[in-house]
Amino acid sequence: MILVTGANGQLGFDVIKELNKRNIECLGIGREDLDITNSNDVYEYILNLKPQCIIHCAAYTAVDRAEDEKEICYNVNVLGTENIANACKKINSKMIYISTDYVFNGQGDIPFEVDGSIGPLSVYGKTKYEGELKVQEILDKYFIIRISWVFGVNGDNFIRTMLRLGMEKERLNVVADQIGSPTYTVDLASLLCDMALSEKYGVYHATNEGFCSWAEFASTIMKKANLNCLINSIPTKEYPTRAVRPLNSRLSKKSLMDAEFKILPIWEDALDRYLIELRGERNEREDKYKKN
């Protein structure tokens, strides 16, 4: 049996869907089911359940707010992860920990290898890296998966925001000097399930193939969605945020390829499929409305 934390989030939602599609026994939990920052509750819950693998998707991900809520962010991303890892060790279970491109310093223009220059620029990035260290210190049977620019049907994300603004505005300013890779949770979920069934432990980077800037991403969204909103490329310095974002979020997939895991499809293909999924979601909502 596989336990998935953060099952109500974008990634956790699609991981549960993928496990069910494969007929793999699983259980998805959210914060209302288990407070991962409470070590006693975590031990009791997991020792009673005894899953073969825990896919730990739960995290504090409000990047800007984390700068002011350092303790809350630390408790969830570091202490919560430590509690899950300790429970995994107790029952000799595998653990998959979801990390981020924000653990790197964002310098240069070359894709970061898994052992690249660590230097998080934000509270969020620091806590996610500390979570990595906890997993590595406690466990032997672990996967650390760094991802970036996530989008899925079950939650808010950059694409949903662009679609909404694209219908409201004729022009949008979007940063063009932050480069990375979008990651579709449907594609990532399939990879995580493959990993859960394997013993190829280690640190991996998993994003959809190809690189783009946020401005390029936004322009492509507008084009594919047939929206006439013009994207105006601006530098990061013209769009200040509470937390510093890395300029270079390119991640190398060498470790993924070396382990012979499937590489995720190119991000434009993922975007096409996601827009179809969103249309299906909208049609489903409209059908329910008509019936009511």
C-alpha atoms as a PDB file:
ATOM      1  CA  MET A   1       0.000   0.000   0.000  1.00  0.00           C
ATOM      2  CA  ILE A   2       1.191   3.497  -0.847  1.00  0.00           C
ATOM      3  CA  LEU A   3       0.409   6.529   1.325  1.00  0.00           C
ATOM      4  CA  VAL A   4       0.260   9.957  -0.354  1.00  0.00           C
ATOM      5  CA  THR A   5       0.461  13.101   1.766  1.00  0.00           C
ATOM      6  CA  GLY A   6      -0.833  16.393   0.391  1.00  0.00           C
ATOM      7  CA  ALA A   7      -3.449  14.489  -1.596  1.00  0.00           C
ATOM      8  CA  ASN A   8      -5.622  17.593  -1.982  1.00  0.00           C
ATOM      9  CA  GLY A   9      -2.877  19.500  -3.805  1.00  0.00           C
ATOM     10  CA  GLN A  10      -2.172  19.561  -7.530  1.00  0.00           C
ATOM     11  CA  LEU A  11       0.454  16.805  -7.469  1.00  0.00           C
ATOM     12  CA  GLY A  12      -1.019  14.605  -4.743  1.00  0.00           C
ATOM     13  CA  PHE A  13      -4.375  14.614  -6.525  1.00  0.00           C
ATOM     14  CA  ASP A  14      -2.849  13.265  -9.749  1.00  0.00           C
ATOM     15  CA  VAL A  15      -0.639  10.761  -7.925  1.00  0.00           C
ATOM     16  CA  ILE A  16      -3.751   9.219  -6.357  1.00  0.00           C
ATOM     17  CA  LYS A  17      -5.446   9.160  -9.775  1.00  0.00           C
ATOM     18  CA  GLU A  18      -2.440   7.409 -11.319  1.00  0.00           C
ATOM     19  CA  LEU A  19      -2.199   4.828  -8.523  1.00  0.00           C
ATOM     20  CA  ASN A  20      -5.896   4.060  -8.849  1.00  0.00           C
ATOM     21  CA  LYS A  21      -5.501   3.741 -12.621  1.00  0.00           C
ATOM     22  CA  ARG A  22      -2.797   1.139 -12.004  1.00  0.00           C
ATOM     23  CA  ASN A  23      -4.949  -0.660  -9.422  1.00  0.00           C
ATOM     24  CA  ILE A  24      -2.337  -0.053  -6.735  1.00  0.00           C
ATOM     25  CA  GLU A  25      -3.750   0.098  -3.215  1.00  0.00           C
ATOM     26  CA  CYS A  26      -3.298   3.616  -1.914  1.00  0.00           C
ATOM     27  CA  LEU A  27      -4.516   6.190   0.572  1.00  0.00           C
ATOM     28  CA  GLY A  28      -4.393   9.947   0.115  1.00  0.00           C
ATOM     29  CA  ILE A  29      -4.418  12.224   3.147  1.00  0.00           C
ATOM     30  CA  GLY A  30      -4.528  15.984   3.745  1.00  0.00           C
ATOM     31  CA  ARG A  31      -3.873  18.253   6.703  1.00  0.00           C
ATOM     32  CA  GLU A  32      -7.366  17.518   8.045  1.00  0.00           C
ATOM     33  CA  ASP A  33      -6.409  13.834   8.322  1.00  0.00           C
ATOM     34  CA  LEU A  34      -2.937  14.199   9.827  1.00  0.00           C
ATOM     35  CA  ASP A  35      -0.852  17.042  11.253  1.00  0.00           C
ATOM     36  CA  ILE A  36       2.584  16.106   9.941  1.00  0.00           C
ATOM     37  CA  THR A  37       4.239  18.565  12.358  1.00  0.00           C
ATOM     38  CA  ASN A  38       3.052  16.465  15.319  1.00  0.00           C
ATOM     39  CA  SER A  39       5.594  13.645  15.636  1.00  0.00           C
ATOM     40  CA  ASN A  40       3.437  11.486  17.931  1.00  0.00           C
ATOM     41  CA  ASP A  41       0.460  11.680  15.596  1.00  0.00           C
ATOM     42  CA  VAL A  42       2.648  10.869  12.579  1.00  0.00           C
ATOM     43  CA  TYR A  43       4.256   7.838  14.243  1.00  0.00           C
ATOM     44  CA  GLU A  44       0.936   6.473  15.468  1.00  0.00           C
ATOM     45  CA  TYR A  45      -0.765   6.968  12.102  1.00  0.00           C
ATOM     46  CA  ILE A  46       2.003   5.496   9.944  1.00  0.00           C
ATOM     47  CA  LEU A  47       2.961   2.659  12.268  1.00  0.00           C
ATOM     48  CA  ASN A  48      -0.688   1.614  12.314  1.00  0.00           C
ATOM     49  CA  LEU A  49      -0.994   1.829   8.507  1.00  0.00           C
ATOM     50  CA  LYS A  50       2.437   0.377   7.601  1.00  0.00           C
ATOM     51  CA  PRO A  51       2.583   1.533   3.948  1.00  0.00           C
ATOM     52  CA  GLN A  52       5.321   0.114   1.713  1.00  0.00           C
ATOM     53  CA  CYS A  53       6.011   3.615   0.381  1.00  0.00           C
ATOM     54  CA  ILE A  54       5.099   7.179   1.304  1.00  0.00           C
ATOM     55  CA  ILE A  55       4.957   9.780  -1.461  1.00  0.00           C
ATOM     56  CA  HIS A  56       5.348  12.991   0.500  1.00  0.00           C
ATOM     57  CA  CYS A  57       3.669  15.747  -1.510  1.00  0.00           C
ATOM     58  CA  ALA A  58       2.535  17.829   1.470  1.00  0.00           C
ATOM     59  CA  ALA A  59       4.450  21.083   1.840  1.00  0.00           C
ATOM     60  CA  TYR A  60       4.248  24.755   2.672  1.00  0.00           C
ATOM     61  CA  THR A  61       4.491  26.320  -0.788  1.00  0.00           C
ATOM     62  CA  ALA A  62       3.425  29.966  -0.319  1.00  0.00           C
ATOM     63  CA  VAL A  63       6.839  31.255  -1.397  1.00  0.00           C
ATOM     64  CA  ASP A  64       6.336  34.957  -0.664  1.00  0.00           C
ATOM     65  CA  ARG A  65       4.332  34.487   2.529  1.00  0.00           C
ATOM     66  CA  ALA A  66       7.039  32.170   3.854  1.00  0.00           C
ATOM     67  CA  GLU A  67       9.351  35.176   4.211  1.00  0.00           C
ATOM     68  CA  ASP A  68       7.042  36.382   7.010  1.00  0.00           C
ATOM     69  CA  GLU A  69       5.928  32.967   8.265  1.00  0.00           C
ATOM     70  CA  LYS A  70       9.343  31.396   8.661  1.00  0.00           C
ATOM     71  CA  GLU A  71       8.424  29.205  11.623  1.00  0.00           C
ATOM     72  CA  ILE A  72       5.284  27.808  10.037  1.00  0.00           C
ATOM     73  CA  CYS A  73       7.159  27.080   6.809  1.00  0.00           C
ATOM     74  CA  TYR A  74      10.009  25.406   8.730  1.00  0.00           C
ATOM     75  CA  ASN A  75       7.643  23.298  10.810  1.00  0.00           C
ATOM     76  CA  VAL A  76       5.885  21.894   7.753  1.00  0.00           C
ATOM     77  CA  ASN A  77       8.781  21.536   5.308  1.00  0.00           C
ATOM     78  CA  VAL A  78      11.514  20.465   7.725  1.00  0.00           C
ATOM     79  CA  LEU A  79       9.995  19.061  10.919  1.00  0.00           C
ATOM     80  CA  GLY A  80       7.058  17.522   9.055  1.00  0.00           C
ATOM     81  CA  THR A  81       9.407  15.847   6.594  1.00  0.00           C
ATOM     82  CA  GLU A  82      11.644  14.650   9.447  1.00  0.00           C
ATOM     83  CA  ASN A  83       8.625  13.097  11.173  1.00  0.00           C
ATOM     84  CA  ILE A  84       7.574  11.263   7.999  1.00  0.00           C
ATOM     85  CA  ALA A  85      11.145  10.048   7.412  1.00  0.00           C
ATOM     86  CA  ASN A  86      11.521   8.766  10.983  1.00  0.00           C
ATOM     87  CA  ALA A  87       8.243   6.874  10.686  1.00  0.00           C
ATOM     88  CA  CYS A  88       9.401   5.381   7.353  1.00  0.00           C
ATOM     89  CA  LYS A  89      12.591   4.200   9.014  1.00  0.00           C
ATOM     90  CA  LYS A  90      10.628   2.586  11.828  1.00  0.00           C
ATOM     91  CA  ILE A  91       8.652   0.424   9.402  1.00  0.00           C
ATOM     92  CA  ASN A  92      11.411   0.088   6.750  1.00  0.00           C
ATOM     93  CA  SER A  93       9.323   1.907   4.165  1.00  0.00           C
ATOM     94  CA  LYS A  94      10.415   3.770   1.043  1.00  0.00           C
ATOM     95  CA  MET A  95       9.957   7.539   0.946  1.00  0.00           C
ATOM     96  CA  ILE A  96       9.587   9.874  -2.014  1.00  0.00           C
ATOM     97  CA  TYR A  97      10.217  13.502  -1.064  1.00  0.00           C
ATOM     98  CA  ILE A  98       9.176  16.274  -3.427  1.00  0.00           C
ATOM     99  CA  SER A  99      11.702  19.109  -3.519  1.00  0.00           C
ATOM    100  CA  THR A 100      12.252  22.127  -5.762  1.00  0.00           C
ATOM    101  CA  ASP A 101      14.506  24.048  -8.128  1.00  0.00           C
ATOM    102  CA  TYR A 102      14.564  26.753  -5.423  1.00  0.00           C
ATOM    103  CA  VAL A 103      17.310  24.852  -3.578  1.00  0.00           C
ATOM    104  CA  PHE A 104      19.804  26.197  -6.154  1.00  0.00           C
ATOM    105  CA  ASN A 105      21.387  29.646  -6.328  1.00  0.00           C
ATOM    106  CA  GLY A 106      19.947  30.391  -9.777  1.00  0.00           C
ATOM    107  CA  GLN A 107      23.259  31.535 -11.250  1.00  0.00           C
ATOM    108  CA  GLY A 108      24.567  30.884 -14.754  1.00  0.00           C
ATOM    109  CA  ASP A 109      22.680  29.471 -17.715  1.00  0.00           C
ATOM    110  CA  ILE A 110      23.679  25.796 -17.571  1.00  0.00           C
ATOM    111  CA  PRO A 111      21.224  23.177 -16.250  1.00  0.00           C
ATOM    112  CA  PHE A 112      21.932  22.246 -12.623  1.00  0.00           C
ATOM    113  CA  GLU A 113      23.039  18.659 -11.977  1.00  0.00           C
ATOM    114  CA  VAL A 114      21.655  16.927  -8.885  1.00  0.00           C
ATOM    115  CA  ASP A 115      24.864  17.786  -7.014  1.00  0.00           C
ATOM    116  CA  GLY A 116      24.988  21.366  -8.352  1.00  0.00           C
ATOM    117  CA  SER A 117      25.563  24.585  -6.412  1.00  0.00           C
ATOM    118  CA  ILE A 118      23.119  24.580  -3.537  1.00  0.00           C
ATOM    119  CA  GLY A 119      22.289  28.099  -2.393  1.00  0.00           C
ATOM    120  CA  PRO A 120      18.585  28.765  -1.833  1.00  0.00           C
ATOM    121  CA  LEU A 121      17.577  32.414  -2.109  1.00  0.00           C
ATOM    122  CA  SER A 122      14.339  32.216  -0.130  1.00  0.00           C
ATOM    123  CA  VAL A 123      12.954  30.835   3.128  1.00  0.00           C
ATOM    124  CA  TYR A 124      10.912  28.354   1.121  1.00  0.00           C
ATOM    125  CA  GLY A 125      13.973  27.126  -0.776  1.00  0.00           C
ATOM    126  CA  LYS A 126      16.010  26.820   2.421  1.00  0.00           C
ATOM    127  CA  THR A 127      13.358  24.758   4.173  1.00  0.00           C
ATOM    128  CA  LYS A 128      12.915  22.438   1.214  1.00  0.00           C
ATOM    129  CA  TYR A 129      16.668  21.819   1.124  1.00  0.00           C
ATOM    130  CA  GLU A 130      16.744  21.210   4.884  1.00  0.00           C
ATOM    131  CA  GLY A 131      13.958  18.704   4.269  1.00  0.00           C
ATOM    132  CA  GLU A 132      16.197  16.963   1.724  1.00  0.00           C
ATOM    133  CA  LEU A 133      18.976  16.744   4.298  1.00  0.00           C
ATOM    134  CA  LYS A 134      16.638  15.218   6.889  1.00  0.00           C
ATOM    135  CA  VAL A 135      15.556  12.520   4.436  1.00  0.00           C
ATOM    136  CA  GLN A 136      19.164  11.709   3.519  1.00  0.00           C
ATOM    137  CA  GLU A 137      20.299  11.621   7.139  1.00  0.00           C
ATOM    138  CA  ILE A 138      17.519   9.296   8.279  1.00  0.00           C
ATOM    139  CA  LEU A 139      16.851   6.957   5.359  1.00  0.00           C
ATOM    140  CA  ASP A 140      18.602   4.730   2.856  1.00  0.00           C
ATOM    141  CA  LYS A 141      15.480   3.917   0.836  1.00  0.00           C
ATOM    142  CA  TYR A 142      14.585   7.371  -0.452  1.00  0.00           C
ATOM    143  CA  PHE A 143      13.906   9.331  -3.623  1.00  0.00           C
ATOM    144  CA  ILE A 144      14.365  13.105  -3.636  1.00  0.00           C
ATOM    145  CA  ILE A 145      12.628  14.641  -6.645  1.00  0.00           C
ATOM    146  CA  ARG A 146      13.264  18.278  -7.544  1.00  0.00           C
ATOM    147  CA  ILE A 147      10.556  19.835  -9.676  1.00  0.00           C
ATOM    148  CA  SER A 148       9.647  23.318 -10.935  1.00  0.00           C
ATOM    149  CA  TRP A 149       6.793  25.466 -12.291  1.00  0.00           C
ATOM    150  CA  VAL A 150       4.093  22.939 -11.422  1.00  0.00           C
ATOM    151  CA  PHE A 151       0.625  22.894 -12.966  1.00  0.00           C
ATOM    152  CA  GLY A 152      -2.282  20.492 -12.507  1.00  0.00           C
ATOM    153  CA  VAL A 153      -6.049  20.496 -12.674  1.00  0.00           C
ATOM    154  CA  ASN A 154      -6.615  20.438  -8.904  1.00  0.00           C
ATOM    155  CA  GLY A 155      -5.510  23.896  -7.841  1.00  0.00           C
ATOM    156  CA  ASP A 156      -4.339  27.352  -8.838  1.00  0.00           C
ATOM    157  CA  ASN A 157      -1.251  27.807 -10.989  1.00  0.00           C
ATOM    158  CA  PHE A 158       0.390  30.110 -13.529  1.00  0.00           C
ATOM    159  CA  ILE A 159      -1.636  28.775 -16.463  1.00  0.00           C
ATOM    160  CA  ARG A 160      -4.997  29.324 -14.770  1.00  0.00           C
ATOM    161  CA  THR A 161      -3.889  32.838 -13.821  1.00  0.00           C
ATOM    162  CA  MET A 162      -2.796  33.639 -17.375  1.00  0.00           C
ATOM    163  CA  LEU A 163      -6.052  32.302 -18.827  1.00  0.00           C
ATOM    164  CA  ARG A 164      -8.088  34.443 -16.434  1.00  0.00           C
ATOM    165  CA  LEU A 165      -6.022  37.587 -17.003  1.00  0.00           C
ATOM    166  CA  GLY A 166      -5.859  36.922 -20.733  1.00  0.00           C
ATOM    167  CA  MET A 167      -9.639  37.207 -20.927  1.00  0.00           C
ATOM    168  CA  GLU A 168      -9.654  40.398 -18.838  1.00  0.00           C
ATOM    169  CA  LYS A 169      -6.701  42.350 -20.241  1.00  0.00           C
ATOM    170  CA  GLU A 170      -5.196  43.309 -23.593  1.00  0.00           C
ATOM    171  CA  ARG A 171      -1.604  43.375 -22.348  1.00  0.00           C
ATOM    172  CA  LEU A 172       0.346  41.759 -19.488  1.00  0.00           C
ATOM    173  CA  ASN A 173       3.868  42.272 -18.145  1.00  0.00           C
ATOM    174  CA  VAL A 174       5.649  38.955 -17.504  1.00  0.00           C
ATOM    175  CA  VAL A 175       9.275  38.398 -16.478  1.00  0.00           C
ATOM    176  CA  ALA A 176      11.554  37.121 -19.231  1.00  0.00           C
ATOM    177  CA  ASP A 177      14.863  36.555 -17.439  1.00  0.00           C
ATOM    178  CA  GLN A 178      13.773  33.633 -15.228  1.00  0.00           C
ATOM    179  CA  ILE A 179      14.311  30.430 -17.214  1.00  0.00           C
ATOM    180  CA  GLY A 180      13.046  26.980 -16.269  1.00  0.00           C
ATOM    181  CA  SER A 181      10.730  24.118 -17.191  1.00  0.00           C
ATOM    182  CA  PRO A 182       6.996  23.755 -16.571  1.00  0.00           C
ATOM    183  CA  THR A 183       5.953  20.484 -14.914  1.00  0.00           C
ATOM    184  CA  TYR A 184       2.574  18.840 -15.572  1.00  0.00           C
ATOM    185  CA  THR A 185       1.420  16.854 -12.551  1.00  0.00           C
ATOM    186  CA  VAL A 186      -0.145  14.133 -14.716  1.00  0.00           C
ATOM    187  CA  ASP A 187       3.256  13.361 -16.278  1.00  0.00           C
ATOM    188  CA  LEU A 188       5.104  13.674 -12.983  1.00  0.00           C
ATOM    189  CA  ALA A 189       2.612  11.416 -11.181  1.00  0.00           C
ATOM    190  CA  SER A 190       3.314   8.599 -13.628  1.00  0.00           C
ATOM    191  CA  LEU A 191       7.047   8.887 -12.991  1.00  0.00           C
ATOM    192  CA  LEU A 192       6.590   8.948  -9.214  1.00  0.00           C
ATOM    193  CA  CYS A 193       4.520   5.764  -9.375  1.00  0.00           C
ATOM    194  CA  ASP A 194       7.263   4.096 -11.437  1.00  0.00           C
ATOM    195  CA  MET A 195       9.784   5.142  -8.794  1.00  0.00           C
ATOM    196  CA  ALA A 196       7.628   3.871  -5.931  1.00  0.00           C
ATOM    197  CA  LEU A 197       7.662   0.435  -7.538  1.00  0.00           C
ATOM    198  CA  SER A 198      11.448   0.476  -8.014  1.00  0.00           C
ATOM    199  CA  GLU A 199      14.529   0.455  -5.826  1.00  0.00           C
ATOM    200  CA  LYS A 200      16.540   2.981  -7.844  1.00  0.00           C
ATOM    201  CA  TYR A 201      16.992   5.301  -4.876  1.00  0.00           C
ATOM    202  CA  GLY A 202      18.642   8.701  -5.120  1.00  0.00           C
ATOM    203  CA  VAL A 203      18.211  12.349  -6.055  1.00  0.00           C
ATOM    204  CA  TYR A 204      16.489  13.216  -9.332  1.00  0.00           C
ATOM    205  CA  HIS A 205      15.282  16.187 -11.341  1.00  0.00           C
ATOM    206  CA  ALA A 206      11.875  15.697 -12.947  1.00  0.00           C
ATOM    207  CA  THR A 207      10.272  18.379 -15.108  1.00  0.00           C
ATOM    208  CA  ASN A 208       8.797  18.347 -18.580  1.00  0.00           C
ATOM    209  CA  GLU A 209      11.425  18.614 -21.296  1.00  0.00           C
ATOM    210  CA  GLY A 210      12.556  21.925 -22.731  1.00  0.00           C
ATOM    211  CA  PHE A 211      13.237  25.345 -21.223  1.00  0.00           C
ATOM    212  CA  CYS A 212      11.416  28.652 -21.478  1.00  0.00           C
ATOM    213  CA  SER A 213      11.010  31.967 -19.680  1.00  0.00           C
ATOM    214  CA  TRP A 214       7.818  32.873 -17.849  1.00  0.00           C
ATOM    215  CA  ALA A 215       7.110  35.358 -20.654  1.00  0.00           C
ATOM    216  CA  GLU A 216       7.559  32.667 -23.325  1.00  0.00           C
ATOM    217  CA  PHE A 217       5.356  30.339 -21.303  1.00  0.00           C
ATOM    218  CA  ALA A 218       2.674  33.026 -21.030  1.00  0.00           C
ATOM    219  CA  SER A 219       2.819  33.831 -24.763  1.00  0.00           C
ATOM    220  CA  THR A 220       2.410  30.161 -25.632  1.00  0.00           C
ATOM    221  CA  ILE A 221      -0.573  29.860 -23.279  1.00  0.00           C
ATOM    222  CA  MET A 222      -2.269  32.844 -24.945  1.00  0.00           C
ATOM    223  CA  LYS A 223      -1.610  31.456 -28.422  1.00  0.00           C
ATOM    224  CA  LYS A 224      -2.856  27.939 -27.654  1.00  0.00           C
ATOM    225  CA  ALA A 225      -5.926  29.300 -25.849  1.00  0.00           C
ATOM    226  CA  ASN A 226      -6.692  31.706 -28.740  1.00  0.00           C
ATOM    227  CA  LEU A 227      -6.535  34.754 -26.477  1.00  0.00           C
ATOM    228  CA  ASN A 228      -5.531  38.130 -27.929  1.00  0.00           C
ATOM    229  CA  CYS A 229      -3.594  39.289 -24.882  1.00  0.00           C
ATOM    230  CA  LEU A 230      -0.121  40.638 -25.688  1.00  0.00           C
ATOM    231  CA  ILE A 231       2.704  39.575 -23.382  1.00  0.00           C
ATOM    232  CA  ASN A 232       5.228  42.305 -22.662  1.00  0.00           C
ATOM    233  CA  SER A 233       8.595  40.869 -21.549  1.00  0.00           C
ATOM    234  CA  ILE A 234      10.138  42.594 -18.531  1.00  0.00           C
ATOM    235  CA  PRO A 235      13.198  41.917 -16.314  1.00  0.00           C
ATOM    236  CA  THR A 236      12.748  40.550 -12.804  1.00  0.00           C
ATOM    237  CA  LYS A 237      13.923  43.848 -11.300  1.00  0.00           C
ATOM    238  CA  GLU A 238      10.755  45.467 -12.669  1.00  0.00           C
ATOM    239  CA  TYR A 239       8.554  42.919 -10.888  1.00  0.00           C
ATOM    240  CA  PRO A 240       9.790  42.803  -7.277  1.00  0.00           C
ATOM    241  CA  THR A 241       8.428  40.059  -5.021  1.00  0.00           C
ATOM    242  CA  ARG A 242       8.785  39.368  -1.294  1.00  0.00           C
ATOM    243  CA  ALA A 243      10.918  36.276  -1.952  1.00  0.00           C
ATOM    244  CA  VAL A 244      13.836  36.225  -4.393  1.00  0.00           C
ATOM    245  CA  ARG A 245      13.311  33.857  -7.334  1.00  0.00           C
ATOM    246  CA  PRO A 246      16.220  32.104  -9.088  1.00  0.00           C
ATOM    247  CA  LEU A 247      16.931  33.359 -12.610  1.00  0.00           C
ATOM    248  CA  ASN A 248      18.257  29.986 -13.731  1.00  0.00           C
ATOM    249  CA  SER A 249      15.936  27.095 -12.891  1.00  0.00           C
ATOM    250  CA  ARG A 250      17.161  24.777 -15.625  1.00  0.00           C
ATOM    251  CA  LEU A 251      17.479  21.243 -14.231  1.00  0.00           C
ATOM    252  CA  SER A 252      19.565  18.460 -15.779  1.00  0.00           C
ATOM    253  CA  LYS A 253      17.829  15.085 -16.229  1.00  0.00           C
ATOM    254  CA  LYS A 254      21.067  13.098 -16.371  1.00  0.00           C
ATOM    255  CA  SER A 255      20.366  11.112 -13.190  1.00  0.00           C
ATOM    256  CA  LEU A 256      16.883  10.281 -14.486  1.00  0.00           C
ATOM    257  CA  MET A 257      18.277   9.013 -17.775  1.00  0.00           C
ATOM    258  CA  ASP A 258      21.118   7.123 -16.075  1.00  0.00           C
ATOM    259  CA  ALA A 259      18.555   5.245 -13.977  1.00  0.00           C
ATOM    260  CA  GLU A 260      16.549   4.513 -17.152  1.00  0.00           C
ATOM    261  CA  PHE A 261      13.398   6.236 -15.956  1.00  0.00           C
ATOM    262  CA  LYS A 262      11.098   7.716 -18.590  1.00  0.00           C
ATOM    263  CA  ILE A 263      11.785  11.338 -19.467  1.00  0.00           C
ATOM    264  CA  LEU A 264       8.707  13.552 -19.245  1.00  0.00           C
ATOM    265  CA  PRO A 265       7.293  14.869 -22.566  1.00  0.00           C
ATOM    266  CA  ILE A 266       8.153  18.363 -23.816  1.00  0.00           C
ATOM    267  CA  TRP A 267       6.326  21.133 -21.961  1.00  0.00           C
ATOM    268  CA  GLU A 268       4.395  22.394 -25.021  1.00  0.00           C
ATOM    269  CA  ASP A 269       2.853  18.935 -25.413  1.00  0.00           C
ATOM    270  CA  ALA A 270       2.022  18.891 -21.701  1.00  0.00           C
ATOM    271  CA  LEU A 271       0.370  22.311 -22.034  1.00  0.00           C
ATOM    272  CA  ASP A 272      -1.792  21.061 -24.932  1.00  0.00           C
ATOM    273  CA  ARG A 273      -3.019  18.128 -22.850  1.00  0.00           C
ATOM    274  CA  TYR A 274      -3.594  20.301 -19.795  1.00  0.00           C
ATOM    275  CA  LEU A 275      -5.741  22.772 -21.749  1.00  0.00           C
ATOM    276  CA  ILE A 276      -7.826  19.829 -22.964  1.00  0.00           C
ATOM    277  CA  GLU A 277      -8.161  18.659 -19.351  1.00  0.00           C
ATOM    278  CA  LEU A 278      -9.289  22.133 -18.285  1.00  0.00           C
ATOM    279  CA  ARG A 279     -11.899  22.224 -21.056  1.00  0.00           C
ATOM    280  CA  GLY A 280     -13.182  18.858 -19.874  1.00  0.00           C
ATOM    281  CA  GLU A 281     -13.380  20.163 -16.319  1.00  0.00           C
ATOM    282  CA  ARG A 282     -15.300  23.239 -17.495  1.00  0.00           C
ATOM    283  CA  ASN A 283     -17.721  21.157 -19.588  1.00  0.00           C
ATOM    284  CA  GLU A 284     -18.332  18.857 -16.639  1.00  0.00           C
ATOM    285  CA  ARG A 285     -19.156  21.871 -14.449  1.00  0.00           C
ATOM    286  CA  GLU A 286     -21.519  23.267 -17.069  1.00  0.00           C
ATOM    287  CA  ASP A 287     -23.287  19.908 -17.424  1.00  0.00           C
ATOM    288  CA  LYS A 288     -23.844  19.752 -13.673  1.00  0.00           C
ATOM    289  CA  TYR A 289     -25.170  23.317 -13.712  1.00  0.00           C
ATOM    290  CA  LYS A 290     -27.640  22.491 -16.503  1.00  0.00           C
ATOM    291  CA  LYS A 291     -28.885  19.432 -14.602  1.00  0.00           C
ATOM    292  CA  ASN A 292     -29.467  21.508 -11.477  1.00  0.00           C
END
